[in-house]
PDB file of N, CA and C in Angstrom:
ATOM      1  N   MET A   1       1.007  -1.278   0.002  1.00  0.00           N
ATOM      2  CA  MET A   1       0.066  -0.003  -0.102  1.00  0.00           C
ATOM      3  C   MET A   1       0.979   1.308  -0.120  1.00  0.00           C
ATOM      4  N   GLU A   2       0.559   2.349  -0.808  1.00  0.00           N
ATOM      5  CA  GLU A   2       1.355   3.604  -0.829  1.00  0.00           C
ATOM      6  C   GLU A   2       0.965   4.365   0.340  1.00  0.00           C
ATOM      7  N   ASN A   3       1.861   5.183   0.904  1.00  0.00           N
ATOM      8  CA  ASN A   3       1.496   5.996   2.046  1.00  0.00           C
ATOM      9  C   ASN A   3       0.702   6.632   1.942  1.00  0.00           C
ATOM     10  N   TYR A   4      -0.041   7.010   2.736  1.00  0.00           N
ATOM     11  CA  TYR A   4      -1.522   8.171   2.800  1.00  0.00           C
ATOM     12  C   TYR A   4      -0.849   8.973   3.974  1.00  0.00           C
ATOM     13  N   PRO A   5      -0.782  10.199   3.365  1.00  0.00           N
ATOM     14  CA  PRO A   5      -0.584  11.499   4.146  1.00  0.00           C
ATOM     15  C   PRO A   5      -0.845  11.164   5.618  1.00  0.00           C
ATOM     16  N   ALA A   6       0.043  11.749   6.570  1.00  0.00           N
ATOM     17  CA  ALA A   6      -0.006  11.658   8.063  1.00  0.00           C
ATOM     18  C   ALA A   6      -1.416  12.185   8.216  1.00  0.00           C
ATOM     19  N   LEU A   7      -1.962  11.600   9.203  1.00  0.00           N
ATOM     20  CA  LEU A   7      -3.359  12.308   9.578  1.00  0.00           C
ATOM     21  C   LEU A   7      -3.282  13.429  10.683  1.00  0.00           C
ATOM     22  N   THR A   8      -4.341  14.249  10.563  1.00  0.00           N
ATOM     23  CA  THR A   8      -4.592  15.123  11.952  1.00  0.00           C
ATOM     24  C   THR A   8      -4.897  14.147  12.583  1.00  0.00           C
ATOM     25  N   GLU A   9      -4.855  14.993  13.976  1.00  0.00           N
ATOM     26  CA  GLU A   9      -5.639  14.621  15.150  1.00  0.00           C
ATOM     27  C   GLU A   9      -6.762  14.220  14.928  1.00  0.00           C
ATOM     28  N   SER A  10      -7.863  14.945  14.819  1.00  0.00           N
ATOM     29  CA  SER A  10      -9.537  14.799  14.443  1.00  0.00           C
ATOM     30  C   SER A  10      -9.571  13.692  13.533  1.00  0.00           C
ATOM     31  N   THR A  11      -8.437  13.855  12.465  1.00  0.00           N
ATOM     32  CA  THR A  11      -9.160  12.565  11.162  1.00  0.00           C
ATOM     33  C   THR A  11      -8.342  11.350  11.903  1.00  0.00           C
ATOM     34  N   PHE A  12      -7.249  11.140  12.490  1.00  0.00           N
ATOM     35  CA  PHE A  12      -6.957  10.051  13.425  1.00  0.00           C
ATOM     36  C   PHE A  12      -8.446   9.422  14.187  1.00  0.00           C
ATOM     37  N   TYR A  13      -8.852  10.194  15.307  1.00  0.00           N
ATOM     38  CA  TYR A  13      -9.742  10.068  15.919  1.00  0.00           C
ATOM     39  C   TYR A  13     -11.111   9.351  15.175  1.00  0.00           C
ATOM     40  N   VAL A  14     -11.172  10.323  14.379  1.00  0.00           N
ATOM     41  CA  VAL A  14     -12.345   9.568  13.300  1.00  0.00           C
ATOM     42  C   VAL A  14     -12.247   8.401  12.899  1.00  0.00           C
ATOM     43  N   LEU A  15     -11.143   8.036  12.181  1.00  0.00           N
ATOM     44  CA  LEU A  15     -10.839   6.534  11.855  1.00  0.00           C
ATOM     45  C   LEU A  15     -10.424   5.657  13.304  1.00  0.00           C
ATOM     46  N   MET A  16     -10.364   5.886  14.277  1.00  0.00           N
ATOM     47  CA  MET A  16     -10.398   5.243  15.734  1.00  0.00           C
ATOM     48  C   MET A  16     -11.449   4.574  15.719  1.00  0.00           C
ATOM     49  N   ALA A  17     -12.503   5.543  15.694  1.00  0.00           N
ATOM     50  CA  ALA A  17     -13.962   5.499  16.307  1.00  0.00           C
ATOM     51  C   ALA A  17     -14.469   4.366  15.250  1.00  0.00           C
ATOM     52  N   LEU A  18     -13.970   4.404  13.916  1.00  0.00           N
ATOM     53  CA  LEU A  18     -14.939   3.269  13.236  1.00  0.00           C
ATOM     54  C   LEU A  18     -13.913   2.146  13.035  1.00  0.00           C
ATOM     55  N   TYR A  19     -12.768   2.176  13.313  1.00  0.00           N
ATOM     56  CA  TYR A  19     -12.035   0.916  13.794  1.00  0.00           C
ATOM     57  C   TYR A  19     -12.935   0.193  15.031  1.00  0.00           C
ATOM     58  N   GLU A  20     -13.193   0.715  15.588  1.00  0.00           N
ATOM     59  CA  GLU A  20     -13.942   0.104  16.946  1.00  0.00           C
ATOM     60  C   GLU A  20     -15.164  -0.600  16.532  1.00  0.00           C
ATOM     61  N   LYS A  21     -15.903   0.321  15.355  1.00  0.00           N
ATOM     62  CA  LYS A  21     -16.977  -0.270  15.385  1.00  0.00           C
ATOM     63  C   LYS A  21     -17.870   0.271  14.236  1.00  0.00           C
ATOM     64  N   ASP A  22     -18.843   0.193  13.583  1.00  0.00           N
ATOM     65  CA  ASP A  22     -19.937   0.834  12.472  1.00  0.00           C
ATOM     66  C   ASP A  22     -20.231   1.773  13.345  1.00  0.00           C
ATOM     67  N   THR A  23     -20.374   2.949  12.702  1.00  0.00           N
ATOM     68  CA  THR A  23     -21.211   4.254  13.457  1.00  0.00           C
ATOM     69  C   THR A  23     -21.803   5.128  12.623  1.00  0.00           C
ATOM     70  N   PHE A  24     -22.215   6.147  13.301  1.00  0.00           N
ATOM     71  CA  PHE A  24     -22.763   7.261  12.545  1.00  0.00           C
ATOM     72  C   PHE A  24     -22.133   8.491  13.211  1.00  0.00           C
ATOM     73  N   GLY A  25     -22.434   9.525  12.595  1.00  0.00           N
ATOM     74  CA  GLY A  25     -22.002  10.703  12.936  1.00  0.00           C
ATOM     75  C   GLY A  25     -21.874  11.437  14.366  1.00  0.00           C
ATOM     76  N   THR A  26     -23.095  11.204  15.104  1.00  0.00           N
ATOM     77  CA  THR A  26     -23.118  11.785  16.307  1.00  0.00           C
ATOM     78  C   THR A  26     -22.583  10.951  17.310  1.00  0.00           C
ATOM     79  N   GLU A  27     -22.309   9.244  16.764  1.00  0.00           N
ATOM     80  CA  GLU A  27     -21.918   8.671  17.812  1.00  0.00           C
ATOM     81  C   GLU A  27     -20.347   8.566  17.739  1.00  0.00           C
ATOM     82  N   ILE A  28     -19.874   8.931  16.441  1.00  0.00           N
ATOM     83  CA  ILE A  28     -18.381   9.254  16.219  1.00  0.00           C
ATOM     84  C   ILE A  28     -17.834  10.593  17.053  1.00  0.00           C
ATOM     85  N   VAL A  29     -19.084  11.709  17.277  1.00  0.00           N
ATOM     86  CA  VAL A  29     -18.409  12.866  17.652  1.00  0.00           C
ATOM     87  C   VAL A  29     -18.422  12.576  19.291  1.00  0.00           C
ATOM     88  N   GLU A  30     -19.386  11.641  19.835  1.00  0.00           N
ATOM     89  CA  GLU A  30     -19.624  11.491  21.478  1.00  0.00           C
ATOM     90  C   GLU A  30     -18.359  10.627  21.494  1.00  0.00           C
ATOM     91  N   TYR A  31     -17.807   9.395  20.716  1.00  0.00           N
ATOM     92  CA  TYR A  31     -16.574   8.693  20.893  1.00  0.00           C
ATOM     93  C   TYR A  31     -15.275   9.680  21.025  1.00  0.00           C
ATOM     94  N   ILE A  32     -15.326  10.721  20.148  1.00  0.00           N
ATOM     95  CA  ILE A  32     -13.990  11.443  20.176  1.00  0.00           C
ATOM     96  C   ILE A  32     -14.120  12.747  21.314  1.00  0.00           C
ATOM     97  N   ASN A  33     -15.297  12.927  21.883  1.00  0.00           N
ATOM     98  CA  ASN A  33     -15.169  13.579  22.950  1.00  0.00           C
ATOM     99  C   ASN A  33     -14.731  12.938  24.224  1.00  0.00           C
ATOM    100  N   ASN A  34     -15.339  11.450  24.427  1.00  0.00           N
ATOM    101  CA  ASN A  34     -15.000  10.618  25.057  1.00  0.00           C
ATOM    102  C   ASN A  34     -13.733  10.491  25.611  1.00  0.00           C
ATOM    103  N   VAL A  35     -12.951   9.890  24.175  1.00  0.00           N
ATOM    104  CA  VAL A  35     -11.288   9.533  24.215  1.00  0.00           C
ATOM    105  C   VAL A  35     -10.664  10.458  24.282  1.00  0.00           C
ATOM    106  N   SER A  36     -10.872  11.499  24.060  1.00  0.00           N
ATOM    107  CA  SER A  36      -9.851  12.797  24.006  1.00  0.00           C
ATOM    108  C   SER A  36     -10.271  13.834  25.259  1.00  0.00           C
ATOM    109  N   ASN A  37     -11.532  13.369  26.229  1.00  0.00           N
ATOM    110  CA  ASN A  37     -11.164  14.061  27.250  1.00  0.00           C
ATOM    111  C   ASN A  37     -12.052  15.407  26.836  1.00  0.00           C
ATOM    112  N   ASN A  38     -12.884  15.861  25.839  1.00  0.00           N
ATOM    113  CA  ASN A  38     -13.530  16.802  25.177  1.00  0.00           C
ATOM    114  C   ASN A  38     -11.836  17.755  24.533  1.00  0.00           C
ATOM    115  N   ARG A  39     -10.630  17.338  24.392  1.00  0.00           N
ATOM    116  CA  ARG A  39      -9.662  18.138  24.098  1.00  0.00           C
ATOM    117  C   ARG A  39      -9.810  18.225  22.383  1.00  0.00           C
ATOM    118  N   VAL A  40     -10.272  17.461  21.831  1.00  0.00           N
ATOM    119  CA  VAL A  40     -10.897  17.482  20.075  1.00  0.00           C
ATOM    120  C   VAL A  40     -11.714  17.913  20.072  1.00  0.00           C
ATOM    121  N   PRO A  41     -12.247  19.161  19.632  1.00  0.00           N
ATOM    122  CA  PRO A  41     -13.221  19.828  19.128  1.00  0.00           C
ATOM    123  C   PRO A  41     -13.851  19.228  17.577  1.00  0.00           C
ATOM    124  N   MET A  42     -15.097  18.697  17.821  1.00  0.00           N
ATOM    125  CA  MET A  42     -15.378  17.996  16.383  1.00  0.00           C
ATOM    126  C   MET A  42     -16.996  18.733  16.125  1.00  0.00           C
ATOM    127  N   GLY A  43     -17.017  19.485  15.384  1.00  0.00           N
ATOM    128  CA  GLY A  43     -18.354  19.828  15.078  1.00  0.00           C
ATOM    129  C   GLY A  43     -18.849  19.240  13.567  1.00  0.00           C
ATOM    130  N   PRO A  44     -19.950  19.307  13.487  1.00  0.00           N
ATOM    131  CA  PRO A  44     -20.766  18.726  11.955  1.00  0.00           C
ATOM    132  C   PRO A  44     -19.977  19.052  10.957  1.00  0.00           C
ATOM    133  N   GLY A  45     -19.505  20.231  10.610  1.00  0.00           N
ATOM    134  CA  GLY A  45     -19.081  20.613   9.243  1.00  0.00           C
ATOM    135  C   GLY A  45     -17.787  19.906   9.388  1.00  0.00           C
ATOM    136  N   THR A  46     -16.706  19.850   9.873  1.00  0.00           N
ATOM    137  CA  THR A  46     -15.538  18.964  10.305  1.00  0.00           C
ATOM    138  C   THR A  46     -15.751  17.825  10.159  1.00  0.00           C
ATOM    139  N   LEU A  47     -16.319  17.103  10.549  1.00  0.00           N
ATOM    140  CA  LEU A  47     -17.037  15.880  10.723  1.00  0.00           C
ATOM    141  C   LEU A  47     -17.659  15.239   9.270  1.00  0.00           C
ATOM    142  N   TYR A  48     -18.390  15.707   8.715  1.00  0.00           N
ATOM    143  CA  TYR A  48     -18.910  15.264   7.408  1.00  0.00           C
ATOM    144  C   TYR A  48     -17.429  15.553   6.255  1.00  0.00           C
ATOM    145  N   THR A  49     -16.882  16.639   6.469  1.00  0.00           N
ATOM    146  CA  THR A  49     -15.670  16.616   5.400  1.00  0.00           C
ATOM    147  C   THR A  49     -14.796  15.661   5.712  1.00  0.00           C
ATOM    148  N   ILE A  50     -14.513  15.468   6.702  1.00  0.00           N
ATOM    149  CA  ILE A  50     -13.429  14.137   7.181  1.00  0.00           C
ATOM    150  C   ILE A  50     -13.937  13.000   6.421  1.00  0.00           C
ATOM    151  N   LEU A  51     -15.659  12.696   6.702  1.00  0.00           N
ATOM    152  CA  LEU A  51     -16.110  11.407   5.961  1.00  0.00           C
ATOM    153  C   LEU A  51     -15.997  11.702   4.713  1.00  0.00           C
ATOM    154  N   SER A  52     -16.482  12.735   4.230  1.00  0.00           N
ATOM    155  CA  SER A  52     -16.683  12.731   2.708  1.00  0.00           C
ATOM    156  C   SER A  52     -15.160  12.213   2.002  1.00  0.00           C
ATOM    157  N   LYS A  53     -13.930  13.011   2.666  1.00  0.00           N
ATOM    158  CA  LYS A  53     -12.660  12.727   1.873  1.00  0.00           C
ATOM    159  C   LYS A  53     -12.537  11.303   2.119  1.00  0.00           C
ATOM    160  N   PHE A  54     -12.381  10.629   3.349  1.00  0.00           N
ATOM    161  CA  PHE A  54     -12.423   9.052   3.611  1.00  0.00           C
ATOM    162  C   PHE A  54     -13.388   8.235   2.612  1.00  0.00           C
ATOM    163  N   GLU A  55     -14.318   8.674   2.465  1.00  0.00           N
ATOM    164  CA  GLU A  55     -15.232   7.729   1.629  1.00  0.00           C
ATOM    165  C   GLU A  55     -14.679   7.954   0.217  1.00  0.00           C
ATOM    166  N   THR A  56     -14.009   9.364  -0.610  1.00  0.00           N
ATOM    167  CA  THR A  56     -13.363   9.228  -1.577  1.00  0.00           C
ATOM    168  C   THR A  56     -12.395   8.608  -1.797  1.00  0.00           C
ATOM    169  N   ASP A  57     -11.583   8.545  -0.468  1.00  0.00           N
ATOM    170  CA  ASP A  57     -10.112   8.113  -0.466  1.00  0.00           C
ATOM    171  C   ASP A  57     -10.169   6.734  -0.148  1.00  0.00           C
ATOM    172  N   GLY A  58     -11.374   5.865  -0.127  1.00  0.00           N
ATOM    173  CA  GLY A  58     -11.533   4.250  -0.218  1.00  0.00           C
ATOM    174  C   GLY A  58     -11.255   3.986   1.496  1.00  0.00           C
ATOM    175  N   LEU A  59     -11.317   4.802   2.449  1.00  0.00           N
ATOM    176  CA  LEU A  59     -10.738   4.263   3.826  1.00  0.00           C
ATOM    177  C   LEU A  59     -12.119   3.845   4.614  1.00  0.00           C
ATOM    178  N   ILE A  60     -13.198   4.497   4.248  1.00  0.00           N
ATOM    179  CA  ILE A  60     -14.554   4.211   4.755  1.00  0.00           C
ATOM    180  C   ILE A  60     -15.763   3.685   3.501  1.00  0.00           C
ATOM    181  N   LYS A  61     -16.595   3.307   3.962  1.00  0.00           N
ATOM    182  CA  LYS A  61     -17.432   3.294   2.930  1.00  0.00           C
ATOM    183  C   LYS A  61     -19.032   3.352   3.929  1.00  0.00           C
ATOM    184  N   GLU A  62     -20.273   4.172   3.288  1.00  0.00           N
ATOM    185  CA  GLU A  62     -21.249   4.365   3.637  1.00  0.00           C
ATOM    186  C   GLU A  62     -22.041   2.807   3.783  1.00  0.00           C
ATOM    187  N   THR A  63     -22.804   2.145   4.850  1.00  0.00           N
ATOM    188  CA  THR A  63     -23.230   1.125   5.221  1.00  0.00           C
ATOM    189  C   THR A  63     -25.085   0.984   5.236  1.00  0.00           C
ATOM    190  N   ALA A  64     -25.391   1.918   5.700  1.00  0.00           N
ATOM    191  CA  ALA A  64     -26.723   2.161   5.757  1.00  0.00           C
ATOM    192  C   ALA A  64     -27.485   3.680   5.934  1.00  0.00           C
ATOM    193  N   VAL A  65     -28.234   3.974   5.183  1.00  0.00           N
ATOM    194  CA  VAL A  65     -28.883   5.547   5.577  1.00  0.00           C
ATOM    195  C   VAL A  65     -30.391   5.022   6.492  1.00  0.00           C
ATOM    196  N   GLU A  66     -30.470   5.540   7.089  1.00  0.00           N
ATOM    197  CA  GLU A  66     -31.855   5.547   7.830  1.00  0.00           C
ATOM    198  C   GLU A  66     -32.453   7.107   8.203  1.00  0.00           C
ATOM    199  N   GLY A  67     -33.164   7.816   7.007  1.00  0.00           N
ATOM    200  CA  GLY A  67     -33.076   9.326   7.315  1.00  0.00           C
ATOM    201  C   GLY A  67     -32.059  10.265   7.237  1.00  0.00           C
ATOM    202  N   ARG A  68     -31.630  10.669   8.011  1.00  0.00           N
ATOM    203  CA  ARG A  68     -30.650  11.463   7.742  1.00  0.00           C
ATOM    204  C   ARG A  68     -29.252  10.936   8.553  1.00  0.00           C
ATOM    205  N   LYS A  69     -29.789   9.937   8.944  1.00  0.00           N
ATOM    206  CA  LYS A  69     -28.525   9.124   9.881  1.00  0.00           C
ATOM    207  C   LYS A  69     -28.216   8.014   8.966  1.00  0.00           C
ATOM    208  N   ARG A  70     -26.525   8.122   8.700  1.00  0.00           N
ATOM    209  CA  ARG A  70     -25.811   7.673   7.854  1.00  0.00           C
ATOM    210  C   ARG A  70     -24.587   6.532   8.950  1.00  0.00           C
ATOM    211  N   THR A  71     -24.379   5.223   8.288  1.00  0.00           N
ATOM    212  CA  THR A  71     -23.888   4.683   9.146  1.00  0.00           C
ATOM    213  C   THR A  71     -22.762   4.210   8.516  1.00  0.00           C
ATOM    214  N   TYR A  72     -21.178   4.403   8.916  1.00  0.00           N
ATOM    215  CA  TYR A  72     -19.941   4.327   8.237  1.00  0.00           C
ATOM    216  C   TYR A  72     -19.287   2.867   8.745  1.00  0.00           C
ATOM    217  N   THR A  73     -18.415   2.137   7.926  1.00  0.00           N
ATOM    218  CA  THR A  73     -17.594   1.097   8.471  1.00  0.00           C
ATOM    219  C   THR A  73     -16.186   1.270   7.737  1.00  0.00           C
ATOM    220  N   ILE A  74     -15.196   0.830   8.319  1.00  0.00           N
ATOM    221  CA  ILE A  74     -13.924   1.016   7.770  1.00  0.00           C
ATOM    222  C   ILE A  74     -13.727  -0.017   6.918  1.00  0.00           C
ATOM    223  N   THR A  75     -12.543   0.284   5.661  1.00  0.00           N
ATOM    224  CA  THR A  75     -12.524  -0.665   4.781  1.00  0.00           C
ATOM    225  C   THR A  75     -11.044  -1.253   5.150  1.00  0.00           C
ATOM    226  N   ASP A  76     -10.745  -2.406   4.336  1.00  0.00           N
ATOM    227  CA  ASP A  76      -9.601  -3.022   4.779  1.00  0.00           C
ATOM    228  C   ASP A  76      -8.268  -1.937   4.693  1.00  0.00           C
ATOM    229  N   ARG A  77      -8.397  -0.950   3.592  1.00  0.00           N
ATOM    230  CA  ARG A  77      -7.391   0.035   3.460  1.00  0.00           C
ATOM    231  C   ARG A  77      -7.797   1.433   4.245  1.00  0.00           C
ATOM    232  N   GLY A  78      -8.639   1.352   5.088  1.00  0.00           N
ATOM    233  CA  GLY A  78      -8.840   2.037   6.033  1.00  0.00           C
ATOM    234  C   GLY A  78      -8.188   1.436   7.425  1.00  0.00           C
ATOM    235  N   ARG A  79      -8.135   0.190   7.585  1.00  0.00           N
ATOM    236  CA  ARG A  79      -7.388  -0.388   8.814  1.00  0.00           C
ATOM    237  C   ARG A  79      -6.179   0.068   8.853  1.00  0.00           C
ATOM    238  N   GLU A  80      -5.512  -0.251   7.025  1.00  0.00           N
ATOM    239  CA  GLU A  80      -4.129  -0.130   6.759  1.00  0.00           C
ATOM    240  C   GLU A  80      -3.595   1.073   7.108  1.00  0.00           C
ATOM    241  N   VAL A  81      -4.199   2.359   6.740  1.00  0.00           N
ATOM    242  CA  VAL A  81      -4.062   3.426   7.168  1.00  0.00           C
ATOM    243  C   VAL A  81      -3.875   3.723   8.324  1.00  0.00           C
ATOM    244  N   PHE A  82      -4.947   3.146   9.292  1.00  0.00           N
ATOM    245  CA  PHE A  82      -4.782   3.508  10.532  1.00  0.00           C
ATOM    246  C   PHE A  82      -3.794   2.962  11.440  1.00  0.00           C
ATOM    247  N   THR A  83      -3.211   1.621  11.078  1.00  0.00           N
ATOM    248  CA  THR A  83      -2.329   1.212  11.336  1.00  0.00           C
ATOM    249  C   THR A  83      -0.689   1.814  11.255  1.00  0.00           C
ATOM    250  N   GLN A  84      -0.869   2.165   9.761  1.00  0.00           N
ATOM    251  CA  GLN A  84       0.505   3.216   9.326  1.00  0.00           C
ATOM    252  C   GLN A  84       0.532   4.112  10.521  1.00  0.00           C
ATOM    253  N   GLU A  85      -0.595   4.985  10.542  1.00  0.00           N
ATOM    254  CA  GLU A  85      -0.818   5.980  11.235  1.00  0.00           C
ATOM    255  C   GLU A  85      -0.145   5.702  12.950  1.00  0.00           C
ATOM    256  N   ILE A  86      -0.379   5.003  13.524  1.00  0.00           N
ATOM    257  CA  ILE A  86      -0.128   4.408  14.738  1.00  0.00           C
ATOM    258  C   ILE A  86       1.436   4.353  14.417  1.00  0.00           C
ATOM    259  N   LYS A  87       2.223   3.806  13.644  1.00  0.00           N
ATOM    260  CA  LYS A  87       3.604   3.383  13.809  1.00  0.00           C
ATOM    261  C   LYS A  87       4.243   4.753  13.639  1.00  0.00           C
ATOM    262  N   ARG A  88       3.738   5.587  12.621  1.00  0.00           N
ATOM    263  CA  ARG A  88       4.405   6.802  12.436  1.00  0.00           C
ATOM    264  C   ARG A  88       4.189   7.609  13.758  1.00  0.00           C
ATOM    265  N   LEU A  89       3.186   7.478  14.416  1.00  0.00           N
ATOM    266  CA  LEU A  89       3.082   8.206  15.930  1.00  0.00           C
ATOM    267  C   LEU A  89       4.059   7.649  16.994  1.00  0.00           C
ATOM    268  N   ASN A  90       4.189   6.373  16.980  1.00  0.00           N
ATOM    269  CA  ASN A  90       4.812   5.668  17.654  1.00  0.00           C
ATOM    270  C   ASN A  90       6.480   6.288  17.309  1.00  0.00           C
ATOM    271  N   GLU A  91       6.896   6.196  16.076  1.00  0.00           N
ATOM    272  CA  GLU A  91       8.015   6.460  15.813  1.00  0.00           C
ATOM    273  C   GLU A  91       8.241   8.215  16.459  1.00  0.00           C
ATOM    274  N   VAL A  92       7.214   8.814  15.945  1.00  0.00           N
ATOM    275  CA  VAL A  92       7.398  10.379  16.510  1.00  0.00           C
ATOM    276  C   VAL A  92       7.938  10.482  18.204  1.00  0.00           C
ATOM    277  N   LEU A  93       7.170   9.681  18.732  1.00  0.00           N
ATOM    278  CA  LEU A  93       7.333   9.727  20.101  1.00  0.00           C
ATOM    279  C   LEU A  93       8.477   9.038  20.505  1.00  0.00           C
ATOM    280  N   LYS A  94       8.897   8.080  20.039  1.00  0.00           N
ATOM    281  CA  LYS A  94      10.178   7.453  20.423  1.00  0.00           C
ATOM    282  C   LYS A  94      11.653   8.799  20.047  1.00  0.00           C
ATOM    283  N   THR A  95      11.431   9.405  19.139  1.00  0.00           N
ATOM    284  CA  THR A  95      12.550  10.335  18.573  1.00  0.00           C
ATOM    285  C   THR A  95      12.092  11.368  19.583  1.00  0.00           C
ATOM    286  N   ALA A  96      10.879  11.838  20.146  1.00  0.00           N
ATOM    287  CA  ALA A  96      11.154  12.963  20.962  1.00  0.00           C
ATOM    288  C   ALA A  96      11.667  12.185  22.082  1.00  0.00           C
ATOM    289  N   GLN A  97      11.174  11.056  22.693  1.00  0.00           N
ATOM    290  CA  GLN A  97      11.822  10.669  24.178  1.00  0.00           C
ATOM    291  C   GLN A  97      13.026  10.697  24.139  1.00  0.00           C
ATOM    292  N   GLU A  98      13.825  10.151  22.672  1.00  0.00           N
ATOM    293  CA  GLU A  98      15.359  10.173  22.710  1.00  0.00           C
ATOM    294  C   GLU A  98      15.943  11.376  22.911  1.00  0.00           C
ATOM    295  N   ALA A  99      15.228  12.457  21.890  1.00  0.00           N
ATOM    296  CA  ALA A  99      15.553  14.274  22.130  1.00  0.00           C
ATOM    297  C   ALA A  99      15.678  14.242  23.635  1.00  0.00           C
ATOM    298  N   LYS A 100      14.514  14.046  24.386  1.00  0.00           N
ATOM    299  CA  LYS A 100      14.319  14.672  25.482  1.00  0.00           C
ATOM    300  C   LYS A 100      15.762  14.341  26.544  1.00  0.00           C
ATOM    301  N   GLY A 101      15.908  12.771  26.176  1.00  0.00           N
ATOM    302  CA  GLY A 101      16.874  12.109  26.965  1.00  0.00           C
ATOM    303  C   GLY A 101      18.342  12.935  26.820  1.00  0.00           C
ATOM    304  N   ARG A 102      18.586  13.168  25.474  1.00  0.00           N
ATOM    305  CA  ARG A 102      19.544  13.794  25.083  1.00  0.00           C
ATOM    306  C   ARG A 102      20.034  15.140  25.839  1.00  0.00           C
ATOM    307  N   TYR A 103      18.757  15.533  25.825  1.00  0.00           N
ATOM    308  CA  TYR A 103      18.767  17.174  26.518  1.00  0.00           C
ATOM    309  C   TYR A 103      19.318  16.892  27.777  1.00  0.00           C
ATOM    310  N   HIS A 104      18.486  16.377  28.908  1.00  0.00           N
ATOM    311  CA  HIS A 104      18.829  15.942  30.096  1.00  0.00           C
ATOM    312  C   HIS A 104      20.300  15.705  30.054  1.00  0.00           C
ATOM    313  N   GLU A 105      20.790  14.808  29.292  1.00  0.00           N
ATOM    314  CA  GLU A 105      22.250  14.352  29.528  1.00  0.00           C
ATOM    315  C   GLU A 105      23.295  15.622  29.394  1.00  0.00           C
ATOM    316  N   THR A 106      22.705  16.401  28.752  1.00  0.00           N
ATOM    317  CA  THR A 106      23.883  17.691  28.615  1.00  0.00           C
ATOM    318  C   THR A 106      23.376  18.873  29.370  1.00  0.00           C
ATOM    319  N   ASN A 107      22.425  18.789  30.221  1.00  0.00           N
ATOM    320  CA  ASN A 107      22.215  19.878  31.241  1.00  0.00           C
ATOM    321  C   ASN A 107      21.862  19.210  32.967  1.00  0.00           C
TER     322      ASN A 107
END
């Protein structure tokens, strides 16, 4: 799989919500509020922009429509991108911890 661009925190949390279960907009927002302790704001405009982009990119797909409620599921490609992003974030964290350690060694 080609590398997908690095995810923003908001897009990462949207994929995380769908990685856990098929769900719809308001549940995604509630999930993000819960797991981020309300640190990551997610309004409807932002959410539906992300969902539309992810659907276009083949990371998610719509599975049901009941009135205005649309349910989404993560695709295999979406799972790969989510896993790729976890690896990238772990590398960033490792590099930051190493830099912090070097700073304390010299001071």
